[in-house]
Amino acid sequence: MKKIMYFLVLFSAFSHLLFSQQKKETTFSEIRKHYEKMTIDDMDATPYVKLYITKAKNENNFQRLIQGYRDGRQFDYHSKIKYADSAIAVSLKHGTSDDISKDYLSKGIIYYFYQKKYKLALDQYLKAYQYSKGSEDRYHHYKVIYHLGVVKEHLGYYEEALEHFQDCVTFYSSKPKHILHDNEKFNYKKAYLNSLHQMTIVNRYLKNFTKSDSLSRLGYQLTLNDHDFDLENSYFLKCMGISKFHKQNYAEAKKDLKKALPVILKRNDFAWASVVYYHLGKIAEAQNNSVEAIRYYSEIDTIFEKHKFILPEVYGSYNYLIKYYRNNDVNKQLYYTNQLLKADSAISKDYPYLSSKLHRDYDRRTLIEQQDDMEKSSQRKIRFAKALIFSGSIVIGLLIVRYSKDRKIKKQYDMLQKRISDGTYIVKDIVKDENVEDTSRKTSLTQEISIEIREKLEKFELERQFLKKGLTEKDVAVKLSTNSHYLSVYINEHKGMNFNKYIAELRINYITNLLNTNNMYLRFTIEALAKECGIASRQNFSNLFFDINGIRPTDYIKKRKKELGIS
C-alpha cells in the first residue's frame, strides 16, 4: 500500500511539473524568453525557435510566423538562407512593406557577412531599398543605405560609398537620446559605430589618412571598456594598427592588431581577420622574420581555401609565399602559384573595378613562365603536368581576350584621333539642298526662324553654355528666346539628333578636346572629368564617352598618356 502511495505522490509531482512547463510555454513571449538573450548563431536556441514556429503555424498567426523565421535566421548558422527565404515568402503574402524590406535586407546581410557574395547581397539590398521608400521607419531606411554603401565600397566605388556612410553617421547621431528606449539606444549607437568604421576604411582607401586616423581614434574611445561593443572596439583597434604600420611604427602596430584579432575571430568575421593577418605578415616582412610572415600569410590561404573568398587588400600575400618557396619547396611553390591564379579569378569576378589594378602588381605572363620553370625542375613533372596545362590554357585564353581588347581599343583610339585631326570631330549642321523640297518633314520651320535659332545656337556653343549641369531643353529654349518645340524641330532637322544627344555630343567633344590638347586633364579622375563637362554621374559620363567616341575614357587616357610618354 505504501508503495502505491509513493507512486501516486511521485506521479502527481511529475504531472504537475509537466503541465506547469507546458503552461509556461503557452505564449509566444514565454517561448522567446528561452533564447532572446542568446548570442547570434547560438545553436542552443534552435529547439525553442522551432517550437515558436510550430505554434505560429498551428494558430495561423502570420506576424508571429515571420518573427519565428527571423529568429531561425539569426540563430541557426547552417540554415540561415532557408529561414531568410521563408521569412520573405510570408512577408510578401501577409506582411507590410517594412516587413518585406527588412527580410530582403537580412538575406542580403547573410550573403555579405557570412558568404561574401557581394553581387547577390546587392540584389537583396536593392529590393530592400525599394520597399523601404516612403517608410516611417527611418532607422531601417538608413540601415539599407549603409549596406548599399558597404557593397559599393567592396566594388571600389569609394567616393559613392563615403556619401552613404556620411549620411548614416549624420542620421544615427542626430536622434536625441532621451526619446529612445534602451534597446533603441543600443541599436542607434551600434549603427553609428559601424558607419564610423566604414568611413574610417574608405578614407584610408582614398588616401585621406589624417581623416581616417581621427575617425579610428574617435571610434576607439567611444567603445573603450564597453563590452556591448567589443567587436566594434576591435575594428577600430585594427584600423589604428594598420595606420601605425603605414607609419612604420611596427611594434605598436603589431600590438594593436594582435589585440584586435581574437574578438574578430570569435565573431567569425574571416574577411577582417584576413586583413589583420596580412598586416601582421607585412610587419614580420619588415622585421625580416620570414617564419612569422609565412605563418600569417598561410592563415590567409586557409581562409581562402575554406570560404573561397579573398579581399584585394590581402592578395599580395601569395607573392611572398611563392617567392619564399621558390628555392625551398617546389611543391609548395606550385601550390601557392595555383592558389594565386584561383584568387585572381575570384577577384576578377567579384571586383571588376579593382581587378585591372591587381594585374599590374603581378603579371600573369610572368606567372606562367614560372610555372614552366617549375615543371622542368620538378621531379613530379607527370603529376603536375595536366594541372599546369589546364592553368596555362586558361591564362592563354585570358591573354588572347586581353590582346583582342587592346587591339580594338587601339583601333578606336586611332580612329578618334584621325577624326580630331581632320576637323570632323564637331557637331555640324546637316547640309541640305535648299531647292529640293523635303517631303518627309512634317513640322519644318520658316527660314527666318531657322536662321535665328542657328545664330543663337552658335553663340550658345561658342560661350560653352552647354557645360551647365542639369540643362534641359526648356532651359536652352528660354536662353535662346524661343520655345521648346521650335528648338527641338531645329536640332532634329539640322543636327540630325534629339536635344539630349546634341548636348551630350557637345559636352563629350569639349572634354575630349581638353584631353587631347591639355595634358593636365589626363591626370583628372573620371568623376572630375564628368563634373568638368557638366555630366552629373561618373557612370553616365563613361557611357556617353563610349557611345560617342567608341572608347572608354579610362582607355583613351591610358592610350594618350602612352603616346605622350606620360607616366
Protein backbone atom coordinates (compact mmCIF):
# COMPACT_ATOMS: atom_id res chain seq x y z
CA MET A 1 0.00 0.00 0.00
CA LYS A 2 2.85 2.35 0.88
CA LYS A 3 4.47 1.66 -2.50
CA ILE A 4 1.24 2.64 -4.24
CA MET A 5 1.06 5.87 -2.20
CA TYR A 6 4.67 6.76 -3.06
CA PHE A 7 3.95 6.09 -6.73
CA LEU A 8 0.87 8.33 -6.68
CA VAL A 9 2.78 11.14 -4.97
CA LEU A 10 5.65 10.93 -7.50
CA PHE A 11 3.22 10.71 -10.44
CA SER A 12 1.34 13.75 -9.18
CA ALA A 13 4.55 15.74 -8.76
CA PHE A 14 5.77 14.75 -12.24
CA SER A 15 2.40 15.61 -13.81
CA HIS A 16 2.37 18.95 -12.06
CA LEU A 17 5.86 19.70 -13.32
CA LEU A 18 4.99 18.63 -16.86
CA PHE A 19 1.77 20.64 -17.08
CA SER A 20 3.45 23.59 -15.38
CA GLN A 21 6.17 23.52 -18.06
CA GLN A 22 3.57 23.38 -20.82
CA LYS A 23 1.68 26.22 -19.24
CA LYS A 24 4.84 28.31 -19.08
CA GLU A 25 5.35 27.89 -22.81
CA THR A 26 1.80 28.56 -23.96
CA THR A 27 2.53 32.16 -25.01
CA PHE A 28 4.92 33.34 -27.70
CA SER A 29 6.74 35.75 -25.40
CA GLU A 30 7.38 32.98 -22.85
CA ILE A 31 8.87 30.71 -25.54
CA ARG A 32 11.12 33.52 -26.78
CA LYS A 33 12.41 34.19 -23.26
CA HIS A 34 14.38 30.96 -23.57
CA TYR A 35 16.57 32.35 -26.35
CA GLU A 36 16.06 36.07 -26.94
CA LYS A 37 19.19 36.98 -24.95
CA MET A 38 21.40 34.33 -26.54
CA THR A 39 24.21 35.45 -28.81
CA ILE A 40 23.86 35.32 -32.59
CA ASP A 41 24.47 31.84 -34.13
CA ASP A 42 23.92 30.06 -30.79
CA MET A 43 22.50 26.74 -31.97
CA ASP A 44 21.07 26.02 -28.48
CA ALA A 45 18.24 28.37 -29.40
CA THR A 46 17.10 26.17 -32.31
CA PRO A 47 14.65 23.82 -30.43
CA TYR A 48 12.80 26.79 -28.92
CA VAL A 49 12.73 28.61 -32.26
CA LYS A 50 11.17 25.55 -33.90
CA LEU A 51 8.59 25.37 -31.09
CA TYR A 52 7.77 29.07 -31.68
CA ILE A 53 7.36 28.50 -35.44
CA THR A 54 5.18 25.41 -34.93
CA LYS A 55 2.88 27.33 -32.57
CA ALA A 56 2.59 30.22 -35.06
CA LYS A 57 1.71 27.80 -37.88
CA ASN A 58 -0.89 25.98 -35.81
CA GLU A 59 -2.58 29.27 -34.92
CA ASN A 60 -2.21 30.83 -38.41
CA ASN A 61 -0.53 33.78 -36.71
CA PHE A 62 1.47 35.15 -39.62
CA GLN A 63 3.17 38.04 -37.81
CA ARG A 64 4.48 35.58 -35.23
CA LEU A 65 5.48 33.21 -38.02
CA ILE A 66 7.55 35.97 -39.66
CA GLN A 67 9.22 36.61 -36.28
CA GLY A 68 9.89 32.89 -35.85
CA TYR A 69 11.60 32.63 -39.23
CA ARG A 70 13.65 35.73 -38.41
CA ASP A 71 14.73 34.11 -35.14
CA GLY A 72 15.71 30.96 -37.04
CA ARG A 73 17.70 33.10 -39.44
CA GLN A 74 19.52 34.67 -36.51
CA PHE A 75 20.43 31.55 -34.52
CA ASP A 76 20.60 28.60 -36.94
CA TYR A 77 24.05 29.07 -38.50
CA HIS A 78 23.61 26.27 -41.05
CA SER A 79 20.12 27.18 -42.30
CA LYS A 80 20.22 30.97 -42.50
CA ILE A 81 19.26 31.28 -46.17
CA LYS A 82 16.43 28.76 -45.75
CA TYR A 83 14.91 30.74 -42.87
CA ALA A 84 15.54 34.02 -44.72
CA ASP A 85 13.62 32.75 -47.77
CA SER A 86 10.76 31.57 -45.54
CA ALA A 87 10.54 34.96 -43.83
CA ILE A 88 10.46 36.74 -47.21
CA ALA A 89 7.75 34.39 -48.54
CA VAL A 90 5.45 35.03 -45.56
CA SER A 91 6.20 38.78 -45.53
CA LEU A 92 5.33 39.09 -49.22
CA LYS A 93 1.99 37.43 -48.61
CA HIS A 94 0.98 38.68 -45.19
CA GLY A 95 3.44 41.39 -44.10
CA THR A 96 3.85 45.12 -44.57
CA SER A 97 6.30 46.87 -46.86
CA ASP A 98 8.56 47.36 -43.85
CA ASP A 99 8.45 43.62 -43.13
CA ILE A 100 9.38 42.78 -46.73
CA SER A 101 12.17 45.36 -46.77
CA LYS A 102 13.67 44.09 -43.50
CA ASP A 103 13.63 40.48 -44.66
CA TYR A 104 15.25 41.25 -48.01
CA LEU A 105 17.89 43.29 -46.19
CA SER A 106 18.60 40.45 -43.74
CA LYS A 107 19.04 37.97 -46.58
CA GLY A 108 21.49 40.38 -48.21
CA ILE A 109 23.44 40.64 -44.94
CA ILE A 110 23.75 36.84 -44.86
CA TYR A 111 25.16 36.89 -48.40
CA TYR A 112 27.54 39.70 -47.45
CA PHE A 113 28.71 38.80 -43.94
CA TYR A 114 28.59 35.01 -44.00
CA GLN A 115 29.21 34.17 -47.66
CA LYS A 116 30.87 37.30 -49.09
CA LYS A 117 28.75 37.10 -52.24
CA TYR A 118 28.56 40.81 -52.94
CA LYS A 119 26.56 40.73 -56.15
CA LEU A 120 23.86 38.55 -54.55
CA ALA A 121 23.90 40.80 -51.49
CA LEU A 122 23.46 43.88 -53.66
CA ASP A 123 20.39 42.34 -55.36
CA GLN A 124 18.74 41.87 -51.97
CA TYR A 125 19.74 45.33 -50.73
CA LEU A 126 18.21 46.98 -53.77
CA LYS A 127 14.93 45.13 -53.20
CA ALA A 128 15.01 46.19 -49.57
CA TYR A 129 15.61 49.77 -50.64
CA GLN A 130 12.60 49.75 -52.99
CA TYR A 131 10.28 48.53 -50.24
CA SER A 132 11.71 50.98 -47.69
CA LYS A 133 10.80 54.03 -49.78
CA GLY A 134 8.22 56.16 -48.02
CA SER A 135 8.62 54.18 -44.81
CA GLU A 136 8.33 55.97 -41.49
CA ASP A 137 10.96 53.61 -40.06
CA ARG A 138 13.94 55.87 -40.77
CA TYR A 139 16.29 53.68 -38.72
CA HIS A 140 15.70 50.79 -41.11
CA HIS A 141 15.85 53.03 -44.18
CA TYR A 142 19.34 54.19 -43.24
CA LYS A 143 20.31 50.62 -42.42
CA VAL A 144 19.60 49.81 -46.08
CA ILE A 145 21.59 52.88 -47.16
CA TYR A 146 24.52 51.66 -45.03
CA HIS A 147 24.60 48.18 -46.56
CA LEU A 148 24.39 49.58 -50.09
CA GLY A 149 27.42 51.65 -49.20
CA VAL A 150 29.26 48.55 -47.98
CA VAL A 151 28.77 46.79 -51.32
CA LYS A 152 29.85 49.89 -53.24
CA GLU A 153 32.97 50.04 -51.09
CA HIS A 154 33.89 46.46 -51.88
CA LEU A 155 33.35 47.05 -55.58
CA GLY A 156 35.72 50.01 -55.44
CA TYR A 157 33.27 52.92 -55.71
CA TYR A 158 34.80 54.61 -52.67
CA GLU A 159 33.54 58.16 -53.09
CA GLU A 160 29.95 56.98 -53.61
CA ALA A 161 30.25 54.67 -50.60
CA LEU A 162 31.59 57.51 -48.46
CA GLU A 163 28.44 59.55 -49.15
CA HIS A 164 26.32 56.64 -47.87
CA PHE A 165 28.29 56.34 -44.64
CA GLN A 166 28.33 60.10 -44.03
CA ASP A 167 24.53 60.20 -44.36
CA CYS A 168 24.23 57.29 -41.92
CA VAL A 169 26.57 58.86 -39.36
CA THR A 170 24.56 62.09 -39.53
CA PHE A 171 21.25 60.29 -39.04
CA TYR A 172 22.29 57.86 -36.30
CA SER A 173 24.00 60.59 -34.26
CA SER A 174 21.16 63.14 -34.58
CA LYS A 175 18.46 61.27 -32.61
CA PRO A 176 18.13 62.76 -29.08
CA LYS A 177 18.99 60.01 -26.57
CA HIS A 178 16.26 60.96 -24.09
CA ILE A 179 13.48 59.93 -26.51
CA LEU A 180 14.97 56.47 -27.20
CA HIS A 181 14.36 53.26 -25.27
CA ASP A 182 17.39 51.31 -24.04
CA ASN A 183 17.23 48.83 -26.95
CA GLU A 184 16.91 51.71 -29.41
CA LYS A 185 19.88 53.49 -27.84
CA PHE A 186 21.96 50.34 -28.31
CA ASN A 187 20.84 49.89 -31.92
CA TYR A 188 21.47 53.53 -32.83
CA LYS A 189 24.92 53.52 -31.24
CA LYS A 190 25.86 50.25 -32.96
CA ALA A 191 24.69 51.58 -36.34
CA TYR A 192 26.59 54.84 -35.74
CA LEU A 193 29.80 52.98 -34.84
CA ASN A 194 29.55 50.67 -37.85
CA SER A 195 29.08 53.67 -40.15
CA LEU A 196 32.03 55.41 -38.48
CA HIS A 197 34.16 52.29 -39.00
CA GLN A 198 33.32 52.17 -42.72
CA MET A 199 34.13 55.88 -43.06
CA THR A 200 37.50 55.16 -41.48
CA ILE A 201 38.22 52.41 -44.02
CA VAL A 202 37.03 54.33 -47.09
CA ASN A 203 39.02 57.42 -46.15
CA ARG A 204 42.11 55.22 -45.89
CA TYR A 205 41.40 53.77 -49.34
CA LEU A 206 41.03 57.33 -50.66
CA LYS A 207 44.39 58.20 -49.01
CA ASN A 208 42.70 60.68 -46.65
CA PHE A 209 44.97 59.39 -43.88
CA THR A 210 44.56 62.24 -41.40
CA LYS A 211 40.77 61.93 -41.53
CA SER A 212 40.94 58.15 -41.29
CA ASP A 213 43.19 58.31 -38.22
CA SER A 214 40.97 60.79 -36.40
CA LEU A 215 37.86 58.68 -37.04
CA SER A 216 39.51 55.48 -35.83
CA ARG A 217 40.67 57.19 -32.61
CA LEU A 218 37.18 58.60 -32.06
CA GLY A 219 35.55 55.18 -32.56
CA TYR A 220 38.10 53.51 -30.27
CA GLN A 221 37.46 55.99 -27.46
CA LEU A 222 33.67 55.64 -27.81
CA THR A 223 33.88 51.84 -27.41
CA LEU A 224 36.67 51.58 -24.84
CA ASN A 225 35.73 49.34 -21.86
CA ASP A 226 32.18 48.92 -23.19
CA HIS A 227 31.66 45.15 -23.51
CA ASP A 228 28.48 45.63 -25.53
CA PHE A 229 30.70 46.93 -28.31
CA ASP A 230 33.78 44.73 -28.02
CA LEU A 231 33.63 43.83 -31.72
CA GLU A 232 33.39 47.46 -32.81
CA ASN A 233 36.27 48.32 -30.48
CA SER A 234 38.37 45.63 -32.16
CA TYR A 235 37.51 47.03 -35.59
CA PHE A 236 38.76 50.49 -34.62
CA LEU A 237 41.82 48.98 -32.95
CA LYS A 238 42.51 47.11 -36.20
CA CYS A 239 42.32 50.41 -38.13
CA MET A 240 44.72 52.05 -35.68
CA GLY A 241 47.15 49.16 -36.07
CA ILE A 242 47.08 49.44 -39.87
CA SER A 243 47.70 53.19 -39.62
CA LYS A 244 50.71 52.60 -37.33
CA PHE A 245 52.03 50.01 -39.77
CA HIS A 246 51.99 52.56 -42.61
CA LYS A 247 53.88 54.96 -40.33
CA GLN A 248 56.46 52.16 -39.74
CA ASN A 249 55.66 52.01 -36.04
CA TYR A 250 55.81 48.22 -36.25
CA ALA A 251 55.90 47.35 -32.53
CA GLU A 252 52.76 49.34 -31.69
CA ALA A 253 51.02 48.26 -34.88
CA LYS A 254 51.62 44.58 -34.05
CA LYS A 255 50.36 45.11 -30.52
CA ASP A 256 47.08 46.68 -31.72
CA LEU A 257 46.48 44.10 -34.44
CA LYS A 258 47.11 41.10 -32.16
CA LYS A 259 44.82 42.59 -29.53
CA ALA A 260 42.03 43.12 -32.09
CA LEU A 261 42.28 39.65 -33.67
CA PRO A 262 40.69 37.34 -31.02
CA VAL A 263 37.36 39.19 -30.90
CA ILE A 264 37.20 39.33 -34.72
CA LEU A 265 37.89 35.58 -34.92
CA LYS A 266 35.30 34.84 -32.24
CA ARG A 267 32.68 36.64 -34.34
CA ASN A 268 33.84 34.56 -37.34
CA ASP A 269 34.49 37.71 -39.38
CA PHE A 270 37.01 35.98 -41.61
CA ALA A 271 37.25 38.93 -44.02
CA TRP A 272 38.66 41.36 -41.46
CA ALA A 273 40.65 38.54 -39.86
CA SER A 274 42.46 38.09 -43.20
CA VAL A 275 43.25 41.83 -43.26
CA VAL A 276 44.75 41.60 -39.75
CA TYR A 277 46.79 38.53 -40.74
CA TYR A 278 48.03 40.35 -43.84
CA HIS A 279 49.33 43.36 -41.94
CA LEU A 280 50.89 41.16 -39.26
CA GLY A 281 52.64 39.36 -42.11
CA LYS A 282 53.81 42.68 -43.60
CA ILE A 283 55.20 43.69 -40.20
CA ALA A 284 57.05 40.37 -40.00
CA GLU A 285 58.44 41.01 -43.51
CA ALA A 286 59.65 44.47 -42.46
CA GLN A 287 61.36 42.89 -39.43
CA ASN A 288 62.94 40.13 -41.60
CA ASN A 289 61.03 37.47 -39.69
CA SER A 290 60.16 35.09 -42.50
CA VAL A 291 58.82 32.38 -40.16
CA GLU A 292 56.13 34.70 -38.78
CA ALA A 293 55.36 36.14 -42.23
CA ILE A 294 54.79 32.64 -43.63
CA ARG A 295 52.59 31.73 -40.66
CA TYR A 296 50.34 34.76 -41.04
CA TYR A 297 50.14 34.56 -44.84
CA SER A 298 49.28 30.85 -44.57
CA GLU A 299 46.29 31.82 -42.42
CA ILE A 300 45.03 33.96 -45.30
CA ASP A 301 45.30 30.97 -47.62
CA THR A 302 43.42 28.82 -45.08
CA ILE A 303 40.59 31.36 -45.09
CA PHE A 304 40.57 31.46 -48.90
CA GLU A 305 40.56 27.67 -49.16
CA LYS A 306 37.72 27.32 -46.63
CA HIS A 307 35.47 30.18 -47.73
CA LYS A 308 36.52 30.66 -51.39
CA PHE A 309 36.89 34.35 -50.58
CA ILE A 310 39.76 36.82 -50.64
CA LEU A 311 40.00 40.60 -50.44
CA PRO A 312 42.12 42.54 -52.96
CA GLU A 313 43.83 44.14 -49.98
CA VAL A 314 45.46 40.83 -48.94
CA TYR A 315 46.12 39.43 -52.42
CA GLY A 316 49.83 40.27 -52.27
CA SER A 317 50.47 37.65 -49.58
CA TYR A 318 50.71 34.99 -52.29
CA ASN A 319 53.58 36.82 -53.98
CA TYR A 320 55.64 36.47 -50.80
CA LEU A 321 54.72 32.78 -50.34
CA ILE A 322 55.66 31.94 -53.95
CA LYS A 323 58.96 33.81 -53.70
CA TYR A 324 59.81 32.23 -50.34
CA TYR A 325 59.25 28.65 -51.51
CA ARG A 326 60.92 29.13 -54.92
CA ASN A 327 64.21 27.63 -53.69
CA ASN A 328 62.89 25.79 -50.65
CA ASP A 329 59.94 23.64 -51.67
CA VAL A 330 58.85 23.39 -55.29
CA ASN A 331 55.60 21.63 -54.34
CA LYS A 332 54.52 24.48 -52.11
CA GLN A 333 55.62 26.99 -54.69
CA LEU A 334 53.38 25.33 -57.24
CA TYR A 335 50.51 25.08 -54.74
CA TYR A 336 50.63 28.81 -53.91
CA THR A 337 51.01 29.69 -57.58
CA ASN A 338 47.80 27.83 -58.36
CA GLN A 339 46.14 29.47 -55.35
CA LEU A 340 47.17 32.85 -56.72
CA LEU A 341 45.54 32.02 -60.05
CA LYS A 342 42.34 30.99 -58.25
CA ALA A 343 42.42 34.14 -56.14
CA ASP A 344 42.94 36.27 -59.23
CA SER A 345 39.91 34.67 -60.90
CA ALA A 346 37.78 35.18 -57.78
CA ILE A 347 38.78 38.83 -57.52
CA SER A 348 38.26 39.43 -61.25
CA LYS A 349 34.76 38.02 -60.86
CA ASP A 350 33.75 39.89 -57.68
CA TYR A 351 35.82 43.06 -58.08
CA PRO A 352 35.74 44.14 -61.73
CA TYR A 353 36.55 47.71 -60.76
CA LEU A 354 39.74 46.70 -58.90
CA SER A 355 40.98 43.73 -60.89
CA SER A 356 42.84 45.81 -63.51
CA LYS A 357 44.97 47.36 -60.77
CA LEU A 358 45.88 43.96 -59.40
CA HIS A 359 47.10 42.77 -62.80
CA ARG A 360 49.81 45.42 -62.64
CA ASP A 361 51.08 44.01 -59.33
CA TYR A 362 51.63 40.50 -60.57
CA ASP A 363 51.83 39.95 -64.29
CA ARG A 364 50.15 36.77 -65.44
CA ARG A 365 52.65 36.15 -68.20
CA THR A 366 55.50 36.05 -65.68
CA LEU A 367 53.43 33.69 -63.58
CA ILE A 368 53.05 31.21 -66.43
CA GLU A 369 56.77 31.33 -67.17
CA GLN A 370 57.46 30.50 -63.54
CA GLN A 371 55.12 27.53 -63.80
CA ASP A 372 57.03 26.27 -66.87
CA ASP A 373 60.34 26.55 -64.99
CA MET A 374 58.90 24.61 -62.08
CA GLU A 375 57.64 21.92 -64.40
CA LYS A 376 61.17 21.38 -65.81
CA SER A 377 62.85 21.36 -62.41
CA SER A 378 60.29 19.30 -60.53
CA GLN A 379 60.73 15.55 -60.15
CA ARG A 380 56.95 15.27 -60.02
CA LYS A 381 56.59 16.52 -63.57
CA ILE A 382 53.98 13.97 -64.66
CA ARG A 383 51.75 14.54 -61.62
CA PHE A 384 51.52 18.26 -62.18
CA ALA A 385 51.65 18.43 -65.98
CA LYS A 386 47.87 18.29 -66.50
CA ALA A 387 47.25 20.92 -63.87
CA LEU A 388 49.82 23.24 -65.43
CA ILE A 389 48.47 22.74 -68.95
CA PHE A 390 44.95 23.45 -67.74
CA SER A 391 46.05 26.57 -65.86
CA GLY A 392 48.14 27.67 -68.82
CA SER A 393 45.23 27.25 -71.21
CA ILE A 394 43.07 29.47 -69.04
CA VAL A 395 45.75 32.12 -68.82
CA ILE A 396 46.47 32.00 -72.55
CA GLY A 397 42.76 32.38 -73.21
CA LEU A 398 42.69 35.41 -70.92
CA LEU A 399 45.72 36.87 -72.64
CA ILE A 400 44.12 36.37 -76.06
CA VAL A 401 40.98 38.11 -74.84
CA ARG A 402 43.06 40.95 -73.43
CA TYR A 403 45.11 41.21 -76.63
CA SER A 404 41.94 41.38 -78.75
CA LYS A 405 40.51 44.00 -76.45
CA ASP A 406 43.72 46.07 -76.61
CA ARG A 407 43.70 45.91 -80.42
CA LYS A 408 40.10 47.06 -80.53
CA ILE A 409 40.84 49.92 -78.12
CA LYS A 410 43.87 50.99 -80.21
CA LYS A 411 41.79 50.93 -83.37
CA GLN A 412 39.07 53.11 -81.80
CA TYR A 413 41.69 55.46 -80.39
CA ASP A 414 43.38 55.87 -83.78
CA MET A 415 40.03 56.48 -85.48
CA LEU A 416 39.12 59.12 -82.93
CA GLN A 417 42.48 60.87 -83.27
CA LYS A 418 42.03 60.92 -87.04
CA ARG A 419 38.59 62.49 -86.69
CA ILE A 420 40.04 65.14 -84.38
CA SER A 421 42.96 65.91 -86.70
CA ASP A 422 40.68 66.00 -89.76
CA GLY A 423 38.42 68.56 -88.10
CA THR A 424 35.37 66.31 -88.41
CA TYR A 425 35.02 66.00 -84.65
CA ILE A 426 32.39 68.71 -84.15
CA VAL A 427 28.62 68.88 -84.14
CA LYS A 428 27.87 70.28 -87.62
CA ASP A 429 24.62 71.26 -89.29
CA ILE A 430 23.36 68.87 -91.92
CA VAL A 431 23.91 70.43 -95.37
CA LYS A 432 20.73 70.31 -97.44
CA ASP A 433 19.85 71.39 -100.95
CA GLU A 434 17.56 74.37 -100.48
CA ASN A 435 15.98 73.78 -103.94
CA VAL A 436 14.85 70.25 -103.09
CA GLU A 437 11.69 70.06 -101.05
CA ASP A 438 11.89 67.62 -98.12
CA THR A 439 8.50 65.89 -98.17
CA SER A 440 9.38 63.77 -95.12
CA ARG A 441 9.38 66.79 -92.77
CA LYS A 442 6.05 67.45 -91.17
CA THR A 443 6.95 70.39 -88.93
CA SER A 444 9.56 72.40 -90.83
CA LEU A 445 10.44 75.88 -89.58
CA THR A 446 10.43 79.03 -91.66
CA GLN A 447 13.78 80.13 -92.99
CA GLU A 448 13.76 83.22 -90.73
CA ILE A 449 13.22 81.15 -87.56
CA SER A 450 15.86 78.62 -88.59
CA ILE A 451 18.45 81.33 -89.18
CA GLU A 452 17.63 82.97 -85.86
CA ILE A 453 17.95 79.71 -83.91
CA ARG A 454 21.15 78.75 -85.76
CA GLU A 455 22.83 82.05 -84.88
CA LYS A 456 21.79 81.78 -81.22
CA LEU A 457 22.93 78.16 -81.01
CA GLU A 458 26.30 79.14 -82.45
CA LYS A 459 26.66 81.68 -79.64
CA PHE A 460 25.41 79.07 -77.13
CA GLU A 461 28.14 76.67 -78.29
CA LEU A 462 30.84 79.35 -78.52
CA GLU A 463 30.20 80.51 -74.94
CA ARG A 464 30.07 76.87 -73.77
CA GLN A 465 26.76 77.33 -72.03
CA PHE A 466 26.18 73.61 -72.52
CA LEU A 467 28.56 72.91 -69.61
CA LYS A 468 25.92 73.87 -67.06
CA LYS A 469 24.85 70.78 -65.11
CA GLY A 470 21.20 69.67 -65.29
CA LEU A 471 20.50 71.60 -68.50
CA THR A 472 17.06 70.91 -70.04
CA GLU A 473 15.56 71.66 -73.43
CA LYS A 474 13.27 74.20 -71.81
CA ASP A 475 16.27 75.96 -70.17
CA VAL A 476 18.03 76.33 -73.52
CA ALA A 477 14.85 77.47 -75.28
CA VAL A 478 14.44 80.24 -72.69
CA LYS A 479 18.10 81.28 -73.15
CA LEU A 480 17.56 81.45 -76.92
CA SER A 481 14.26 83.40 -76.56
CA THR A 482 12.38 80.71 -78.46
CA ASN A 483 10.17 77.80 -77.48
CA SER A 484 11.00 74.15 -76.82
CA HIS A 485 9.08 72.96 -79.88
CA TYR A 486 10.97 75.16 -82.35
CA LEU A 487 14.29 74.27 -80.71
CA SER A 488 13.53 70.54 -80.85
CA VAL A 489 12.50 70.72 -84.52
CA TYR A 490 15.62 72.70 -85.46
CA ILE A 491 18.02 70.32 -83.68
CA ASN A 492 16.32 67.25 -85.17
CA GLU A 493 16.30 68.67 -88.72
CA HIS A 494 19.64 70.50 -88.77
CA LYS A 495 21.75 68.45 -86.35
CA GLY A 496 20.24 65.07 -87.14
CA MET A 497 19.71 64.14 -83.48
CA ASN A 498 17.48 64.88 -80.49
CA PHE A 499 18.24 67.52 -77.86
CA ASN A 500 19.78 65.15 -75.28
CA LYS A 501 22.14 63.62 -77.85
CA TYR A 502 23.09 67.11 -79.07
CA ILE A 503 24.01 68.32 -75.56
CA ALA A 504 25.84 65.05 -74.85
CA GLU A 505 27.93 65.36 -78.01
CA LEU A 506 28.84 68.98 -77.21
CA ARG A 507 29.97 68.00 -73.73
CA ILE A 508 31.92 64.90 -74.76
CA ASN A 509 33.51 66.75 -77.70
CA TYR A 510 34.55 69.52 -75.30
CA ILE A 511 36.16 67.18 -72.75
CA THR A 512 37.79 65.05 -75.48
CA ASN A 513 39.38 68.17 -76.93
CA LEU A 514 40.73 69.10 -73.48
CA LEU A 515 42.19 65.63 -73.02
CA ASN A 516 43.79 65.87 -76.43
CA THR A 517 45.26 69.35 -76.04
CA ASN A 518 45.91 69.88 -72.32
CA ASN A 519 47.96 67.19 -70.54
CA MET A 520 46.76 68.42 -67.16
CA TYR A 521 43.35 66.86 -67.75
CA LEU A 522 44.92 63.42 -68.29
CA ARG A 523 45.58 63.36 -64.55
CA PHE A 524 41.97 64.07 -63.61
CA THR A 525 39.73 61.35 -62.16
CA ILE A 526 36.74 60.22 -64.22
CA GLU A 527 34.46 61.91 -61.67
CA ALA A 528 36.35 65.21 -62.11
CA LEU A 529 36.17 64.98 -65.91
CA ALA A 530 32.42 64.33 -65.74
CA LYS A 531 31.97 67.36 -63.49
CA GLU A 532 34.14 69.48 -65.78
CA CYS A 533 31.80 68.96 -68.74
CA GLY A 534 28.52 69.19 -66.81
CA ILE A 535 27.62 65.49 -66.54
CA ALA A 536 26.28 64.50 -63.15
CA SER A 537 27.45 60.91 -62.69
CA ARG A 538 30.67 59.05 -63.38
CA GLN A 539 28.88 56.10 -64.97
CA ASN A 540 26.73 58.27 -67.25
CA PHE A 541 29.84 60.14 -68.40
CA SER A 542 31.69 56.91 -69.14
CA ASN A 543 28.74 55.51 -71.12
CA LEU A 544 28.28 58.70 -73.17
CA PHE A 545 32.02 58.93 -73.88
CA PHE A 546 31.94 55.35 -75.15
CA ASP A 547 28.77 55.85 -77.23
CA ILE A 548 30.16 58.95 -78.95
CA ASN A 549 33.88 58.12 -79.17
CA GLY A 550 33.77 54.31 -79.33
CA ILE A 551 36.25 54.02 -76.46
CA ARG A 552 36.03 54.24 -72.66
CA PRO A 553 37.55 57.40 -71.10
CA THR A 554 39.95 55.33 -68.96
CA ASP A 555 41.23 53.53 -72.05
CA TYR A 556 41.53 56.80 -74.00
CA ILE A 557 43.53 58.43 -71.20
CA LYS A 558 45.80 55.39 -70.92
CA LYS A 559 46.49 55.41 -74.68
CA ARG A 560 47.00 59.18 -74.75
CA LYS A 561 49.48 59.04 -71.86
CA LYS A 562 51.37 56.22 -73.54
CA GLU A 563 51.51 58.18 -76.80
CA LEU A 564 52.85 61.24 -75.00
CA GLY A 565 55.22 59.27 -72.77
CA ILE A 566 53.48 60.37 -69.57
CA SER A 567 53.65 58.00 -66.59
